[in-house]
Amino acid sequence: MMGPAAHADDVALGSQAEWAQKYDSDPKLEIQRSTTPVLSPQTVAATEQAIQTYQGIVSKGGWGNVAGGASLRVGSKSQAVVALRRRLMASGDLDAAAGMSPVYDAYVEAGVKRFQARHGIGESGAVSSETVAALNVPAETRLRQLETNLVRLRSFSGNLGPRFVMANIPAAMVETVENGVVFSHHIAGVGKIDRQSPVMQTKATDINFNPFWTVPASIIRKDLIPKMQADANYLTDNHIRIFNKENQEVPSSSINWNSLDAVNYKFREDPGENNSLGVVRINIANPYGVYMHDTSTKGVFGDDFRFVSSGCIRLQNVRDYVAWLLKDTPGWDRDHIDAAIRTGDRIDVKLASPVAVYWVYITAWATPDGVVQFRPDIYQRDGFGTVTASNVTSDEQNASVEPAIQQE
């Protein structure tokens, strides 16, 4: 999904890439943040209706392609703008009353923003290369996506529990759901294409405040050894200590970094704000060794392309998420959570009642208000090949060691 944005400490929920901003030019096309869970009978029904709508679009010949380039921006005038208007009208992102003027006006900009919001693209209102790629996915492919994902949605249309968490991997987004309504949305960072987050059903069981991060053998081989070969101070700079099999701390100079000798040692990152896991880790029972956690690199939450981890899921506004998980655990309101983090000490808390957690792979769905959402098939599980996604993370995103399977 998108290119890097400003690396603010946090991205406010109101500016999440998944949700459109207000458009004075055409308020009836504004996308409101949905309180309907992605995993719900209402979403199944809305997706079934969307399939009928897209069947109609396909039967009429679908939509034509749109050319990119600098000519497609506010104030420009060309026949390419006419093609863009026609394309946006075909998918319901621009009202037919806006007309077929060759001028890229506020109505076209609003339509582009609406389209971008539905596809998880940063709402710039400009036709970026990523936007062009999404615009040019054929209607037939979008219909097949909806049909494929309807099967997935139906498998989760039963009773998922009064309180549950849904992590949608292609959308890099997490919902908390209570009594059939979305309580909160959280932008997330999920697994890279070559280190995918697994689809699974599990439960959140306990919380670690100020956790250590113990580097798994896979990351020692893939990341840590090459970084030490390039910079002998890497471990010291990143507050990572080395322990031998007797659990005694040893210096990095005792290891042959031109071999795999390092995999025979334990590497543990000290707790704190700069820890790879941030200040909170949420444990979920599973055979993959993955979990959910805070992160010290919160700038990723401002990006569209958030496939950056080694399988675990990083959460924006993680303290709010943890407070919701611990709501029924006596003595753990938000003030106590913040106080525990301020101590800097490792503190473990068991949830009074485990909370159901669903990691799912949904690339297309619709909401009861008629809005149809699409996300890139980043792991190519829909069966149509890659659909509108950059398959390569940026050098910046790959630059840091990524927490994955932790074995403490």
Protein backbone atom coordinates (compact mmCIF):
# COMPACT_ATOMS: atom_id res chain seq x y z
CA MET A 1 0.00 0.00 0.00
CA MET A 2 1.39 3.71 0.09
CA GLY A 3 4.66 5.52 0.21
CA PRO A 4 6.12 6.78 3.49
CA ALA A 5 4.36 9.70 5.11
CA ALA A 6 5.67 11.98 7.84
CA HIS A 7 6.90 9.91 10.75
CA ALA A 8 4.72 11.31 13.50
CA ASP A 9 4.61 9.46 16.80
CA ASP A 10 1.05 8.42 16.13
CA VAL A 11 -1.55 8.88 13.40
CA ALA A 12 -4.86 10.03 14.80
CA LEU A 13 -7.77 7.70 14.14
CA GLY A 14 -9.52 10.43 12.18
CA SER A 15 -6.76 10.43 9.57
CA GLN A 16 -6.55 6.70 9.01
CA ALA A 17 -5.94 5.85 5.39
CA GLU A 18 -8.92 3.51 5.34
CA TRP A 19 -11.42 6.31 5.93
CA ALA A 20 -12.21 9.24 3.67
CA GLN A 21 -12.11 12.86 4.73
CA LYS A 22 -15.03 15.27 4.33
CA TYR A 23 -15.54 16.75 0.88
CA ASP A 24 -17.47 20.00 0.67
CA SER A 25 -17.89 19.46 -3.06
CA ASP A 26 -19.98 16.28 -2.84
CA PRO A 27 -20.92 15.36 0.74
CA LYS A 28 -23.33 12.60 -0.27
CA LEU A 29 -20.36 10.56 -1.53
CA GLU A 30 -18.46 10.92 1.74
CA ILE A 31 -17.39 7.63 3.33
CA GLN A 32 -18.22 7.42 7.01
CA ARG A 33 -16.24 5.20 9.35
CA SER A 34 -18.26 2.02 9.64
CA THR A 35 -19.26 0.61 13.03
CA THR A 36 -20.29 -2.66 11.39
CA PRO A 37 -17.68 -5.39 12.00
CA VAL A 38 -16.01 -6.83 8.91
CA LEU A 39 -16.84 -10.23 10.39
CA SER A 40 -20.62 -10.00 10.67
CA PRO A 41 -23.83 -11.14 8.96
CA GLN A 42 -24.41 -7.52 7.93
CA THR A 43 -21.13 -7.45 6.01
CA VAL A 44 -22.01 -10.76 4.34
CA ALA A 45 -25.37 -9.33 3.20
CA ALA A 46 -23.75 -6.10 1.99
CA THR A 47 -21.11 -8.06 0.07
CA GLU A 48 -23.80 -10.19 -1.56
CA GLN A 49 -25.48 -6.97 -2.69
CA ALA A 50 -22.16 -5.61 -3.95
CA ILE A 51 -21.70 -8.74 -6.05
CA GLN A 52 -25.03 -8.05 -7.75
CA THR A 53 -23.96 -4.46 -8.37
CA TYR A 54 -20.65 -5.53 -9.89
CA GLN A 55 -22.35 -8.18 -11.98
CA GLY A 56 -24.35 -5.31 -13.46
CA ILE A 57 -21.19 -3.29 -14.10
CA VAL A 58 -19.54 -6.26 -15.81
CA SER A 59 -22.63 -6.97 -17.94
CA LYS A 60 -22.43 -3.40 -19.25
CA GLY A 61 -18.82 -3.86 -20.34
CA GLY A 62 -17.03 -2.87 -17.16
CA TRP A 63 -14.96 0.28 -17.25
CA GLY A 64 -12.16 1.62 -19.40
CA ASN A 65 -8.56 2.24 -18.40
CA VAL A 66 -7.24 5.55 -17.13
CA ALA A 67 -3.94 7.08 -18.17
CA GLY A 68 -1.62 8.39 -15.48
CA GLY A 69 0.85 11.22 -15.56
CA ALA A 70 1.22 14.77 -14.35
CA SER A 71 -1.80 15.90 -16.40
CA LEU A 72 -4.17 14.35 -13.87
CA ARG A 73 -4.18 16.91 -11.08
CA VAL A 74 -6.45 19.65 -9.81
CA GLY A 75 -6.73 22.45 -12.36
CA SER A 76 -5.54 20.42 -15.34
CA LYS A 77 -7.62 20.10 -18.49
CA SER A 78 -7.46 17.16 -20.91
CA GLN A 79 -9.41 14.28 -22.38
CA ALA A 80 -7.71 12.06 -19.80
CA VAL A 81 -9.82 13.84 -17.17
CA VAL A 82 -12.94 12.90 -19.08
CA ALA A 83 -11.84 9.24 -19.03
CA LEU A 84 -11.16 9.56 -15.31
CA ARG A 85 -14.64 10.99 -14.70
CA ARG A 86 -16.20 8.14 -16.65
CA ARG A 87 -14.20 5.58 -14.65
CA LEU A 88 -15.14 7.12 -11.29
CA MET A 89 -18.80 7.26 -12.26
CA ALA A 90 -18.77 3.59 -13.26
CA SER A 91 -17.74 2.56 -9.73
CA GLY A 92 -19.97 5.07 -7.97
CA ASP A 93 -17.17 7.35 -6.79
CA LEU A 94 -18.43 10.34 -8.77
CA ASP A 95 -22.02 11.39 -9.28
CA ALA A 96 -23.17 11.56 -12.90
CA ALA A 97 -24.42 15.08 -12.18
CA ALA A 98 -20.77 16.20 -12.04
CA GLY A 99 -20.78 16.03 -15.84
CA MET A 100 -18.04 15.23 -18.35
CA SER A 101 -15.97 18.40 -18.26
CA PRO A 102 -12.29 17.96 -19.21
CA VAL A 103 -11.32 20.05 -16.16
CA TYR A 104 -9.95 18.33 -13.04
CA ASP A 105 -12.12 20.21 -10.55
CA ALA A 106 -13.06 19.76 -6.89
CA TYR A 107 -15.67 17.14 -7.79
CA VAL A 108 -13.07 14.97 -9.52
CA GLU A 109 -10.65 15.43 -6.64
CA ALA A 110 -13.35 14.34 -4.18
CA GLY A 111 -14.16 11.33 -6.35
CA VAL A 112 -10.49 10.32 -6.45
CA LYS A 113 -10.25 10.67 -2.66
CA ARG A 114 -13.32 8.49 -2.23
CA PHE A 115 -11.85 5.88 -4.56
CA GLN A 116 -8.55 5.99 -2.67
CA ALA A 117 -10.34 5.58 0.67
CA ARG A 118 -12.11 2.46 -0.64
CA HIS A 119 -8.81 0.94 -1.76
CA GLY A 120 -6.64 1.76 1.26
CA ILE A 121 -4.62 4.37 -0.62
CA GLY A 122 -3.61 7.68 0.95
CA GLU A 123 -6.31 10.23 0.17
CA SER A 124 -4.24 12.79 -1.70
CA GLY A 125 -6.85 13.47 -4.37
CA ALA A 126 -4.05 13.15 -6.94
CA VAL A 127 -3.87 10.26 -9.39
CA SER A 128 -0.65 8.59 -8.27
CA SER A 129 0.77 5.53 -10.02
CA GLU A 130 -0.72 3.38 -7.27
CA THR A 131 -4.13 4.96 -7.83
CA VAL A 132 -3.87 4.40 -11.59
CA ALA A 133 -3.04 0.75 -11.00
CA ALA A 134 -6.11 0.33 -8.78
CA LEU A 135 -8.34 2.22 -11.23
CA ASN A 136 -7.24 -0.09 -14.03
CA VAL A 137 -8.04 -3.37 -12.31
CA PRO A 138 -10.86 -4.77 -14.52
CA ALA A 139 -14.40 -4.90 -13.15
CA GLU A 140 -14.38 -8.66 -13.80
CA THR A 141 -11.42 -9.07 -11.43
CA ARG A 142 -13.12 -6.98 -8.75
CA LEU A 143 -16.25 -9.14 -9.11
CA ARG A 144 -14.21 -12.32 -8.68
CA GLN A 145 -12.53 -10.81 -5.62
CA LEU A 146 -15.90 -10.13 -4.04
CA GLU A 147 -17.09 -13.66 -4.81
CA THR A 148 -13.91 -15.21 -3.37
CA ASN A 149 -14.06 -13.14 -0.21
CA LEU A 150 -17.76 -13.76 0.30
CA VAL A 151 -16.86 -17.39 0.99
CA ARG A 152 -14.34 -16.26 3.60
CA LEU A 153 -16.81 -13.85 5.19
CA ARG A 154 -19.54 -16.47 5.38
CA SER A 155 -17.23 -18.77 7.35
CA PHE A 156 -17.12 -16.08 10.07
CA SER A 157 -20.80 -15.10 10.03
CA GLY A 158 -21.72 -17.16 13.11
CA ASN A 159 -21.40 -16.21 16.77
CA LEU A 160 -17.82 -15.05 17.25
CA GLY A 161 -18.35 -14.05 20.88
CA PRO A 162 -19.57 -10.92 22.68
CA ARG A 163 -16.06 -9.41 22.54
CA PHE A 164 -13.49 -10.22 19.89
CA VAL A 165 -10.56 -8.87 17.89
CA MET A 166 -10.36 -9.01 14.10
CA ALA A 167 -7.04 -8.41 12.35
CA ASN A 168 -7.48 -8.12 8.58
CA ILE A 169 -4.03 -8.80 7.15
CA PRO A 170 -4.41 -7.33 3.61
CA ALA A 171 -5.96 -4.16 5.08
CA ALA A 172 -3.26 -3.98 7.80
CA MET A 173 -6.07 -3.02 10.16
CA VAL A 174 -7.39 -4.29 13.50
CA GLU A 175 -10.91 -3.94 14.90
CA THR A 176 -12.09 -4.53 18.43
CA VAL A 177 -15.74 -5.60 18.50
CA GLU A 178 -18.16 -5.56 21.41
CA ASN A 179 -21.82 -6.62 21.30
CA GLY A 180 -21.86 -6.63 17.50
CA VAL A 181 -20.42 -3.11 17.09
CA VAL A 182 -16.89 -1.96 16.31
CA PHE A 183 -15.45 -0.39 19.46
CA SER A 184 -12.15 0.79 17.98
CA HIS A 185 -10.05 0.70 14.81
CA HIS A 186 -6.27 0.35 14.92
CA ILE A 187 -3.85 0.81 12.04
CA ALA A 188 -1.44 -2.12 12.01
CA GLY A 189 1.83 -3.33 10.57
CA VAL A 190 1.70 -6.95 9.38
CA GLY A 191 3.98 -9.58 7.87
CA LYS A 192 6.20 -8.98 4.86
CA ILE A 193 5.50 -10.96 1.72
CA ASP A 194 8.33 -13.37 2.55
CA ARG A 195 7.44 -13.52 6.29
CA GLN A 196 3.67 -13.67 6.23
CA SER A 197 1.27 -13.21 9.13
CA PRO A 198 -0.75 -16.43 9.50
CA VAL A 199 -4.52 -16.78 9.22
CA MET A 200 -5.79 -18.22 12.48
CA GLN A 201 -8.39 -18.24 15.26
CA THR A 202 -7.02 -17.88 18.78
CA LYS A 203 -7.39 -15.96 22.05
CA ALA A 204 -5.53 -13.15 23.77
CA THR A 205 -4.41 -14.53 27.12
CA ASP A 206 -1.96 -12.18 28.80
CA ILE A 207 -0.09 -8.90 28.52
CA ASN A 208 3.63 -8.19 29.01
CA PHE A 209 4.43 -4.59 29.93
CA ASN A 210 7.98 -3.41 29.19
CA PRO A 211 8.88 -6.72 27.53
CA PHE A 212 12.28 -7.98 26.55
CA TRP A 213 12.65 -9.06 22.95
CA THR A 214 14.60 -12.27 22.46
CA VAL A 215 15.82 -12.49 18.86
CA PRO A 216 14.71 -15.74 17.17
CA ALA A 217 17.23 -17.87 15.29
CA SER A 218 15.66 -17.03 11.91
CA ILE A 219 16.26 -13.32 12.44
CA ILE A 220 19.75 -13.91 13.83
CA ARG A 221 20.60 -15.58 10.50
CA LYS A 222 18.69 -13.27 8.14
CA ASP A 223 19.21 -9.89 9.79
CA LEU A 224 21.45 -9.73 12.81
CA ILE A 225 24.58 -11.43 11.43
CA PRO A 226 24.67 -9.27 8.24
CA LYS A 227 24.15 -6.12 10.33
CA MET A 228 27.01 -7.01 12.65
CA GLN A 229 29.23 -7.72 9.64
CA ALA A 230 28.45 -4.21 8.41
CA ASP A 231 28.62 -2.45 11.78
CA ALA A 232 30.35 -3.93 14.81
CA ASN A 233 28.49 -1.50 17.11
CA TYR A 234 25.03 -2.54 15.93
CA LEU A 235 24.15 -4.60 19.02
CA THR A 236 25.40 -1.96 21.45
CA ASP A 237 23.62 0.84 19.61
CA ASN A 238 20.36 -1.13 19.71
CA HIS A 239 20.64 -2.22 23.36
CA ILE A 240 20.87 -5.93 22.52
CA ARG A 241 22.78 -8.13 24.96
CA ILE A 242 24.35 -11.54 24.24
CA PHE A 243 24.02 -14.55 26.56
CA ASN A 244 25.66 -17.96 26.31
CA LYS A 245 24.05 -21.32 27.13
CA GLU A 246 24.83 -20.79 30.83
CA ASN A 247 22.86 -17.50 30.62
CA GLN A 248 26.02 -15.49 31.16
CA GLU A 249 26.40 -12.21 29.29
CA VAL A 250 29.28 -12.25 26.81
CA PRO A 251 30.85 -9.58 24.57
CA SER A 252 30.13 -9.46 20.86
CA SER A 253 33.85 -9.88 20.19
CA SER A 254 33.61 -13.48 21.39
CA ILE A 255 31.52 -14.43 18.35
CA ASN A 256 32.78 -15.18 14.83
CA TRP A 257 30.45 -12.97 12.76
CA ASN A 258 31.69 -14.47 9.49
CA SER A 259 30.01 -17.75 10.40
CA LEU A 260 26.74 -18.98 11.90
CA ASP A 261 28.33 -19.12 15.34
CA ALA A 262 25.85 -16.47 16.56
CA VAL A 263 22.87 -18.85 16.42
CA ASN A 264 24.34 -20.67 19.42
CA TYR A 265 23.75 -17.61 21.62
CA LYS A 266 20.70 -15.79 22.97
CA PHE A 267 20.26 -12.16 21.95
CA ARG A 268 17.96 -10.11 24.15
CA GLU A 269 16.95 -6.50 23.62
CA ASP A 270 16.51 -4.42 26.76
CA PRO A 271 12.97 -3.16 27.55
CA GLY A 272 11.97 0.44 26.98
CA GLU A 273 10.49 2.85 24.45
CA ASN A 274 13.17 1.90 21.90
CA ASN A 275 12.57 -1.84 22.22
CA SER A 276 11.43 -3.49 18.98
CA LEU A 277 8.24 -4.57 20.79
CA GLY A 278 7.67 -1.09 22.18
CA VAL A 279 6.23 -1.05 25.70
CA VAL A 280 3.56 -3.76 25.37
CA ARG A 281 3.31 -7.28 24.03
CA ILE A 282 -0.03 -9.10 23.75
CA ASN A 283 0.28 -12.88 23.84
CA ILE A 284 -2.08 -14.99 21.73
CA ALA A 285 -2.05 -18.78 21.84
CA ASN A 286 -0.83 -20.19 18.50
CA PRO A 287 1.67 -22.67 17.02
CA TYR A 288 3.42 -19.99 14.91
CA GLY A 289 5.08 -18.10 17.76
CA VAL A 290 3.55 -14.77 16.68
CA TYR A 291 1.86 -12.14 18.80
CA MET A 292 0.65 -8.54 18.76
CA HIS A 293 2.71 -5.67 20.11
CA ASP A 294 3.61 -2.01 20.28
CA THR A 295 6.53 -0.72 18.22
CA SER A 296 9.27 1.84 18.55
CA THR A 297 8.93 2.76 14.84
CA LYS A 298 5.47 4.34 14.82
CA GLY A 299 6.12 6.13 11.54
CA VAL A 300 4.93 3.00 9.70
CA PHE A 301 1.35 3.80 10.76
CA GLY A 302 1.42 6.78 8.41
CA ASP A 303 2.20 4.57 5.40
CA ASP A 304 -0.20 2.76 3.06
CA PHE A 305 2.26 -0.10 2.60
CA ARG A 306 2.39 -1.60 6.09
CA PHE A 307 3.68 -5.11 5.29
CA VAL A 308 6.80 -4.67 7.36
CA SER A 309 7.05 -7.29 10.12
CA SER A 310 8.27 -10.86 10.36
CA GLY A 311 4.76 -12.20 11.00
CA CYS A 312 3.70 -10.46 14.19
CA ILE A 313 1.22 -7.57 14.15
CA ARG A 314 2.18 -4.09 15.37
CA LEU A 315 -0.62 -1.91 16.66
CA GLN A 316 -1.26 1.81 16.58
CA ASN A 317 -2.74 3.23 19.82
CA VAL A 318 -1.75 0.02 21.57
CA ARG A 319 -2.51 1.37 25.06
CA ASP A 320 -6.15 1.89 24.13
CA TYR A 321 -6.22 -1.63 22.72
CA VAL A 322 -4.72 -3.12 25.88
CA ALA A 323 -7.13 -1.14 28.07
CA TRP A 324 -10.02 -2.67 26.13
CA LEU A 325 -8.59 -6.18 26.52
CA LEU A 326 -8.12 -5.67 30.27
CA LYS A 327 -11.51 -4.06 30.84
CA ASP A 328 -12.78 -7.05 32.82
CA THR A 329 -9.48 -7.62 34.66
CA PRO A 330 -9.69 -5.98 38.12
CA GLY A 331 -7.12 -3.30 38.86
CA TRP A 332 -6.11 -2.64 35.28
CA ASP A 333 -7.76 0.55 34.09
CA ARG A 334 -5.93 2.97 31.78
CA ASP A 335 -4.25 4.83 34.66
CA HIS A 336 -2.79 1.59 36.02
CA ILE A 337 -1.65 0.59 32.54
CA ASP A 338 0.19 3.89 32.07
CA ALA A 339 1.70 3.61 35.55
CA ALA A 340 2.96 0.09 34.84
CA ILE A 341 4.64 1.26 31.64
CA ARG A 342 6.25 4.22 33.43
CA THR A 343 7.99 1.90 35.88
CA GLY A 344 10.08 0.44 33.08
CA ASP A 345 9.87 -2.94 34.83
CA ARG A 346 8.70 -6.16 33.23
CA ILE A 347 5.13 -6.71 34.49
CA ASP A 348 2.94 -9.61 33.32
CA VAL A 349 -0.85 -9.53 33.55
CA LYS A 350 -3.19 -12.42 32.80
CA LEU A 351 -6.58 -11.51 31.30
CA ALA A 352 -9.44 -12.44 33.62
CA SER A 353 -11.30 -13.69 30.56
CA PRO A 354 -9.37 -14.55 27.37
CA VAL A 355 -10.61 -12.59 24.35
CA ALA A 356 -11.21 -14.26 20.97
CA VAL A 357 -8.81 -13.12 18.26
CA TYR A 358 -9.25 -13.74 14.52
CA TRP A 359 -6.47 -13.07 12.02
CA VAL A 360 -8.17 -13.13 8.62
CA TYR A 361 -7.37 -12.52 4.96
CA ILE A 362 -10.14 -10.38 3.44
CA THR A 363 -9.30 -8.37 0.31
CA ALA A 364 -12.84 -7.31 -0.64
CA TRP A 365 -15.99 -6.59 1.34
CA ALA A 366 -18.88 -4.15 1.52
CA THR A 367 -20.54 -2.24 4.34
CA PRO A 368 -24.29 -1.79 4.87
CA ASP A 369 -24.11 1.80 3.56
CA GLY A 370 -23.18 0.38 0.15
CA VAL A 371 -19.47 1.22 0.21
CA VAL A 372 -17.34 -1.51 -1.39
CA GLN A 373 -13.81 -1.89 -0.05
CA PHE A 374 -10.85 -3.52 -1.83
CA ARG A 375 -7.31 -4.20 -0.63
CA PRO A 376 -4.25 -5.58 -2.45
CA ASP A 377 -3.94 -9.36 -2.57
CA ILE A 378 -0.51 -8.92 -1.05
CA TYR A 379 0.10 -12.63 -0.40
CA GLN A 380 -1.57 -13.68 -3.70
CA ARG A 381 -4.16 -15.89 -2.03
CA ASP A 382 -7.16 -14.85 -4.13
CA GLY A 383 -5.89 -16.84 -7.09
CA PHE A 384 -5.74 -13.98 -9.61
CA GLY A 385 -2.08 -13.02 -9.27
CA THR A 386 -1.02 -9.77 -7.66
CA VAL A 387 -3.77 -7.14 -7.68
CA THR A 388 -2.52 -3.54 -7.22
CA ALA A 389 0.26 -3.85 -4.70
CA SER A 390 3.93 -3.04 -4.63
CA ASN A 391 5.70 -6.32 -3.94
CA VAL A 392 8.82 -4.68 -2.56
CA THR A 393 9.14 -2.90 0.76
CA SER A 394 11.27 0.20 0.84
CA ASP A 395 14.89 0.11 1.94
CA GLU A 396 13.87 2.11 4.97
CA GLN A 397 11.25 -0.45 5.94
CA ASN A 398 13.74 -3.29 5.60
CA ALA A 399 16.50 -1.45 7.43
CA SER A 400 15.64 -2.50 10.96
CA VAL A 401 15.68 -5.92 12.58
CA GLU A 402 12.08 -7.11 12.74
CA PRO A 403 10.62 -8.87 15.79
CA ALA A 404 9.06 -12.19 14.87
CA ILE A 405 8.91 -15.51 16.75
CA GLN A 406 10.01 -14.77 20.28
CA GLN A 407 11.35 -17.56 22.46
CA GLU A 408 12.13 -16.27 25.94
